[in-house]
Amino acid sequence: MTSDLNTQHRAALQSFRESIDNIDAALVFMLAERFKITQAVGRYKSEHKLPPADPGREQEQIDRLKALAREANLDPEFSAKFLQFVISEVIRHHERIREGQED
């Protein structure tokens, strides 16, 4: 009986983990696509002597994502922290582009 229960638990966890792995893969590919676009934005900003950061736009995005998170029953503060991390990476990339150090 215990062996059957352990097998059931392992099978259930494996199914959950496969779903998580698929979602993680999708997130990575979506982030990669997002960064391709933000790299183009960084080149555009550099060519037109625009600043790497746009605090107004960034705040709009954070507010928008927090609202979406609430609709999705996700912690809005978590979503804001996640987006702030992504934004900081984008700004770092834009600064590197501006300095002629594009990857």
N, C-alpha and C. Protein backbone atom coordinates (compact mmCIF):
# COMPACT_ATOMS: atom_id res chain seq x y z
N MET A 1 0.82 -1.20 0.00
CA MET A 1 0.00 0.00 0.00
C MET A 1 0.86 1.26 0.00
N THR A 2 1.87 1.30 0.87
CA THR A 2 2.74 2.46 0.95
C THR A 2 3.47 2.68 -0.37
N SER A 3 3.90 1.59 -0.98
CA SER A 3 4.60 1.68 -2.27
C SER A 3 3.70 2.28 -3.34
N ASP A 4 2.43 1.88 -3.37
CA ASP A 4 1.47 2.43 -4.33
C ASP A 4 1.26 3.92 -4.10
N LEU A 5 1.20 4.32 -2.81
CA LEU A 5 1.00 5.72 -2.46
C LEU A 5 2.21 6.55 -2.91
N ASN A 6 3.41 6.04 -2.66
CA ASN A 6 4.62 6.74 -3.08
C ASN A 6 4.66 6.88 -4.60
N THR A 7 4.26 5.85 -5.31
CA THR A 7 4.22 5.89 -6.77
C THR A 7 3.21 6.94 -7.24
N GLN A 8 2.06 7.00 -6.59
CA GLN A 8 1.05 8.01 -6.94
C GLN A 8 1.58 9.41 -6.68
N HIS A 9 2.24 9.61 -5.54
CA HIS A 9 2.79 10.94 -5.22
C HIS A 9 3.85 11.34 -6.24
N ARG A 10 4.73 10.40 -6.55
CA ARG A 10 5.78 10.70 -7.54
C ARG A 10 5.16 11.05 -8.89
N ALA A 11 4.16 10.30 -9.30
CA ALA A 11 3.51 10.55 -10.60
C ALA A 11 2.82 11.91 -10.60
N ALA A 12 2.13 12.24 -9.51
CA ALA A 12 1.44 13.53 -9.42
C ALA A 12 2.46 14.67 -9.44
N LEU A 13 3.52 14.54 -8.66
CA LEU A 13 4.55 15.58 -8.64
C LEU A 13 5.23 15.72 -9.99
N GLN A 14 5.49 14.61 -10.63
CA GLN A 14 6.12 14.64 -11.95
C GLN A 14 5.25 15.40 -12.95
N SER A 15 3.97 15.17 -12.90
CA SER A 15 3.05 15.87 -13.79
C SER A 15 3.08 17.38 -13.53
N PHE A 16 3.03 17.76 -12.25
CA PHE A 16 3.11 19.18 -11.90
C PHE A 16 4.43 19.78 -12.38
N ARG A 17 5.50 19.05 -12.15
CA ARG A 17 6.83 19.56 -12.51
C ARG A 17 6.99 19.70 -14.01
N GLU A 18 6.41 18.81 -14.77
CA GLU A 18 6.46 18.94 -16.23
C GLU A 18 5.73 20.20 -16.68
N SER A 19 4.60 20.49 -16.05
CA SER A 19 3.87 21.71 -16.38
C SER A 19 4.69 22.95 -16.01
N ILE A 20 5.30 22.93 -14.84
CA ILE A 20 6.15 24.04 -14.42
C ILE A 20 7.31 24.22 -15.39
N ASP A 21 7.94 23.13 -15.78
CA ASP A 21 9.06 23.21 -16.73
C ASP A 21 8.62 23.83 -18.06
N ASN A 22 7.44 23.45 -18.53
CA ASN A 22 6.91 24.02 -19.78
C ASN A 22 6.65 25.52 -19.63
N ILE A 23 6.08 25.90 -18.52
CA ILE A 23 5.82 27.33 -18.28
C ILE A 23 7.13 28.10 -18.18
N ASP A 24 8.12 27.54 -17.46
CA ASP A 24 9.43 28.20 -17.36
C ASP A 24 10.06 28.39 -18.74
N ALA A 25 9.96 27.38 -19.58
CA ALA A 25 10.51 27.48 -20.94
C ALA A 25 9.80 28.60 -21.71
N ALA A 26 8.49 28.66 -21.60
CA ALA A 26 7.73 29.72 -22.28
C ALA A 26 8.14 31.08 -21.77
N LEU A 27 8.34 31.21 -20.46
CA LEU A 27 8.78 32.49 -19.89
C LEU A 27 10.13 32.92 -20.46
N VAL A 28 11.05 31.97 -20.55
CA VAL A 28 12.38 32.29 -21.07
C VAL A 28 12.28 32.78 -22.52
N PHE A 29 11.50 32.09 -23.34
CA PHE A 29 11.37 32.50 -24.73
C PHE A 29 10.65 33.84 -24.86
N MET A 30 9.66 34.08 -24.01
CA MET A 30 8.97 35.38 -24.03
C MET A 30 9.92 36.50 -23.60
N LEU A 31 10.73 36.25 -22.57
CA LEU A 31 11.70 37.26 -22.15
C LEU A 31 12.73 37.52 -23.24
N ALA A 32 13.16 36.46 -23.91
CA ALA A 32 14.13 36.63 -25.00
C ALA A 32 13.53 37.51 -26.10
N GLU A 33 12.28 37.28 -26.43
CA GLU A 33 11.62 38.09 -27.46
C GLU A 33 11.48 39.54 -26.99
N ARG A 34 11.12 39.72 -25.73
CA ARG A 34 11.00 41.07 -25.17
C ARG A 34 12.33 41.80 -25.26
N PHE A 35 13.42 41.10 -24.89
CA PHE A 35 14.72 41.75 -24.91
C PHE A 35 15.20 42.04 -26.34
N LYS A 36 14.80 41.25 -27.32
CA LYS A 36 15.12 41.59 -28.71
C LYS A 36 14.51 42.94 -29.07
N ILE A 37 13.29 43.14 -28.65
CA ILE A 37 12.60 44.40 -28.95
C ILE A 37 13.23 45.56 -28.18
N THR A 38 13.52 45.33 -26.89
CA THR A 38 14.10 46.43 -26.12
C THR A 38 15.52 46.76 -26.59
N GLN A 39 16.22 45.79 -27.18
CA GLN A 39 17.53 46.10 -27.78
C GLN A 39 17.34 47.06 -28.96
N ALA A 40 16.32 46.82 -29.74
CA ALA A 40 16.02 47.73 -30.86
C ALA A 40 15.67 49.12 -30.33
N VAL A 41 14.92 49.17 -29.24
CA VAL A 41 14.59 50.46 -28.62
C VAL A 41 15.88 51.14 -28.15
N GLY A 42 16.79 50.37 -27.56
CA GLY A 42 18.05 50.92 -27.10
C GLY A 42 18.88 51.50 -28.23
N ARG A 43 18.91 50.80 -29.37
CA ARG A 43 19.65 51.33 -30.53
C ARG A 43 18.99 52.61 -31.03
N TYR A 44 17.66 52.63 -31.07
CA TYR A 44 16.93 53.82 -31.51
C TYR A 44 17.23 55.00 -30.58
N LYS A 45 17.16 54.74 -29.28
CA LYS A 45 17.45 55.81 -28.32
C LYS A 45 18.87 56.33 -28.48
N SER A 46 19.80 55.43 -28.69
CA SER A 46 21.19 55.83 -28.86
C SER A 46 21.36 56.68 -30.12
N GLU A 47 20.77 56.25 -31.21
CA GLU A 47 20.88 56.98 -32.48
C GLU A 47 20.29 58.39 -32.38
N HIS A 48 19.25 58.53 -31.57
CA HIS A 48 18.55 59.81 -31.47
C HIS A 48 18.87 60.56 -30.18
N LYS A 49 19.93 60.13 -29.51
CA LYS A 49 20.43 60.79 -28.30
C LYS A 49 19.35 60.92 -27.22
N LEU A 50 18.54 59.88 -27.08
CA LEU A 50 17.51 59.85 -26.03
C LEU A 50 18.08 59.15 -24.80
N PRO A 51 17.61 59.48 -23.62
CA PRO A 51 18.14 58.85 -22.41
C PRO A 51 17.75 57.36 -22.34
N PRO A 52 18.61 56.55 -21.74
CA PRO A 52 18.32 55.12 -21.63
C PRO A 52 17.07 54.82 -20.80
N ALA A 53 16.82 55.64 -19.79
CA ALA A 53 15.68 55.41 -18.89
C ALA A 53 14.55 56.38 -19.22
N ASP A 54 13.33 55.94 -18.96
CA ASP A 54 12.14 56.78 -19.12
C ASP A 54 11.25 56.52 -17.90
N PRO A 55 11.53 57.24 -16.79
CA PRO A 55 10.82 56.96 -15.54
C PRO A 55 9.29 57.02 -15.65
N GLY A 56 8.76 57.92 -16.45
CA GLY A 56 7.31 58.00 -16.62
C GLY A 56 6.75 56.74 -17.25
N ARG A 57 7.36 56.30 -18.32
CA ARG A 57 6.95 55.06 -19.00
C ARG A 57 7.10 53.87 -18.07
N GLU A 58 8.20 53.83 -17.34
CA GLU A 58 8.45 52.71 -16.43
C GLU A 58 7.36 52.63 -15.37
N GLN A 59 6.98 53.76 -14.80
CA GLN A 59 5.94 53.76 -13.78
C GLN A 59 4.60 53.34 -14.37
N GLU A 60 4.31 53.80 -15.59
CA GLU A 60 3.07 53.37 -16.26
C GLU A 60 3.04 51.85 -16.42
N GLN A 61 4.16 51.28 -16.82
CA GLN A 61 4.24 49.83 -17.00
C GLN A 61 4.06 49.09 -15.68
N ILE A 62 4.69 49.59 -14.63
CA ILE A 62 4.56 48.96 -13.31
C ILE A 62 3.11 49.01 -12.86
N ASP A 63 2.48 50.17 -12.99
CA ASP A 63 1.08 50.31 -12.59
C ASP A 63 0.18 49.38 -13.41
N ARG A 64 0.45 49.30 -14.71
CA ARG A 64 -0.35 48.43 -15.59
C ARG A 64 -0.18 46.97 -15.21
N LEU A 65 1.06 46.57 -14.95
CA LEU A 65 1.32 45.17 -14.59
C LEU A 65 0.71 44.82 -13.23
N LYS A 66 0.75 45.76 -12.30
CA LYS A 66 0.13 45.51 -10.99
C LYS A 66 -1.38 45.31 -11.14
N ALA A 67 -2.00 46.10 -12.01
CA ALA A 67 -3.44 45.93 -12.24
C ALA A 67 -3.72 44.57 -12.88
N LEU A 68 -2.91 44.19 -13.85
CA LEU A 68 -3.08 42.87 -14.47
C LEU A 68 -2.88 41.75 -13.44
N ALA A 69 -1.91 41.93 -12.57
CA ALA A 69 -1.65 40.92 -11.55
C ALA A 69 -2.87 40.77 -10.63
N ARG A 70 -3.45 41.88 -10.24
CA ARG A 70 -4.64 41.80 -9.39
C ARG A 70 -5.75 41.03 -10.09
N GLU A 71 -5.95 41.29 -11.38
CA GLU A 71 -6.98 40.58 -12.15
C GLU A 71 -6.68 39.08 -12.21
N ALA A 72 -5.40 38.73 -12.22
CA ALA A 72 -4.99 37.33 -12.34
C ALA A 72 -4.80 36.65 -10.98
N ASN A 73 -5.16 37.36 -9.92
CA ASN A 73 -4.98 36.85 -8.55
C ASN A 73 -3.51 36.53 -8.25
N LEU A 74 -2.64 37.39 -8.74
CA LEU A 74 -1.20 37.29 -8.47
C LEU A 74 -0.82 38.49 -7.61
N ASP A 75 0.10 38.31 -6.72
CA ASP A 75 0.54 39.40 -5.84
C ASP A 75 1.07 40.56 -6.69
N PRO A 76 0.41 41.73 -6.63
CA PRO A 76 0.85 42.86 -7.45
C PRO A 76 2.26 43.35 -7.10
N GLU A 77 2.64 43.22 -5.83
CA GLU A 77 3.99 43.65 -5.45
C GLU A 77 5.04 42.73 -6.04
N PHE A 78 4.75 41.45 -6.12
CA PHE A 78 5.67 40.52 -6.78
C PHE A 78 5.83 40.90 -8.24
N SER A 79 4.71 41.16 -8.91
CA SER A 79 4.79 41.51 -10.33
C SER A 79 5.56 42.81 -10.53
N ALA A 80 5.38 43.77 -9.62
CA ALA A 80 6.11 45.03 -9.71
C ALA A 80 7.61 44.80 -9.54
N LYS A 81 7.99 43.98 -8.56
CA LYS A 81 9.41 43.67 -8.35
C LYS A 81 10.00 42.98 -9.57
N PHE A 82 9.24 42.06 -10.15
CA PHE A 82 9.71 41.36 -11.34
C PHE A 82 9.94 42.35 -12.48
N LEU A 83 8.96 43.22 -12.73
CA LEU A 83 9.10 44.18 -13.82
C LEU A 83 10.22 45.16 -13.54
N GLN A 84 10.39 45.58 -12.30
CA GLN A 84 11.49 46.50 -11.97
C GLN A 84 12.84 45.85 -12.26
N PHE A 85 12.94 44.55 -11.99
CA PHE A 85 14.17 43.84 -12.32
C PHE A 85 14.40 43.84 -13.83
N VAL A 86 13.36 43.53 -14.58
CA VAL A 86 13.47 43.51 -16.05
C VAL A 86 13.84 44.90 -16.56
N ILE A 87 13.18 45.92 -16.04
CA ILE A 87 13.46 47.30 -16.47
C ILE A 87 14.91 47.67 -16.17
N SER A 88 15.41 47.29 -15.01
CA SER A 88 16.80 47.62 -14.68
C SER A 88 17.77 46.95 -15.65
N GLU A 89 17.45 45.74 -16.08
CA GLU A 89 18.28 45.06 -17.07
C GLU A 89 18.20 45.75 -18.43
N VAL A 90 17.01 46.17 -18.81
CA VAL A 90 16.82 46.88 -20.08
C VAL A 90 17.63 48.18 -20.07
N ILE A 91 17.55 48.92 -18.98
CA ILE A 91 18.30 50.19 -18.88
C ILE A 91 19.80 49.92 -18.96
N ARG A 92 20.24 48.87 -18.27
CA ARG A 92 21.67 48.51 -18.34
C ARG A 92 22.08 48.21 -19.78
N HIS A 93 21.23 47.48 -20.52
CA HIS A 93 21.52 47.19 -21.93
C HIS A 93 21.54 48.47 -22.75
N HIS A 94 20.59 49.37 -22.49
CA HIS A 94 20.53 50.63 -23.24
C HIS A 94 21.78 51.47 -22.98
N GLU A 95 22.25 51.47 -21.74
CA GLU A 95 23.47 52.21 -21.42
C GLU A 95 24.67 51.62 -22.15
N ARG A 96 24.73 50.30 -22.21
CA ARG A 96 25.84 49.65 -22.93
C ARG A 96 25.77 49.97 -24.43
N ILE A 97 24.59 49.98 -24.99
CA ILE A 97 24.43 50.34 -26.40
C ILE A 97 24.90 51.77 -26.63
N ARG A 98 24.48 52.67 -25.75
CA ARG A 98 24.85 54.08 -25.87
C ARG A 98 26.37 54.24 -25.81
N GLU A 99 27.03 53.40 -25.00
CA GLU A 99 28.49 53.47 -24.86
C GLU A 99 29.21 52.69 -25.96
N GLY A 100 28.47 52.12 -26.90
CA GLY A 100 29.06 51.37 -27.99
C GLY A 100 29.50 49.97 -27.59
N GLN A 101 28.92 49.42 -26.54
CA GLN A 101 29.31 48.10 -26.05
C GLN A 101 28.19 47.09 -26.26
N GLU A 102 27.44 47.25 -27.30
CA GLU A 102 26.31 46.33 -27.55
C GLU A 102 26.80 44.90 -27.67
N ASP A 103 26.07 44.00 -27.01
CA ASP A 103 26.41 42.57 -27.04
C ASP A 103 26.17 41.98 -28.40
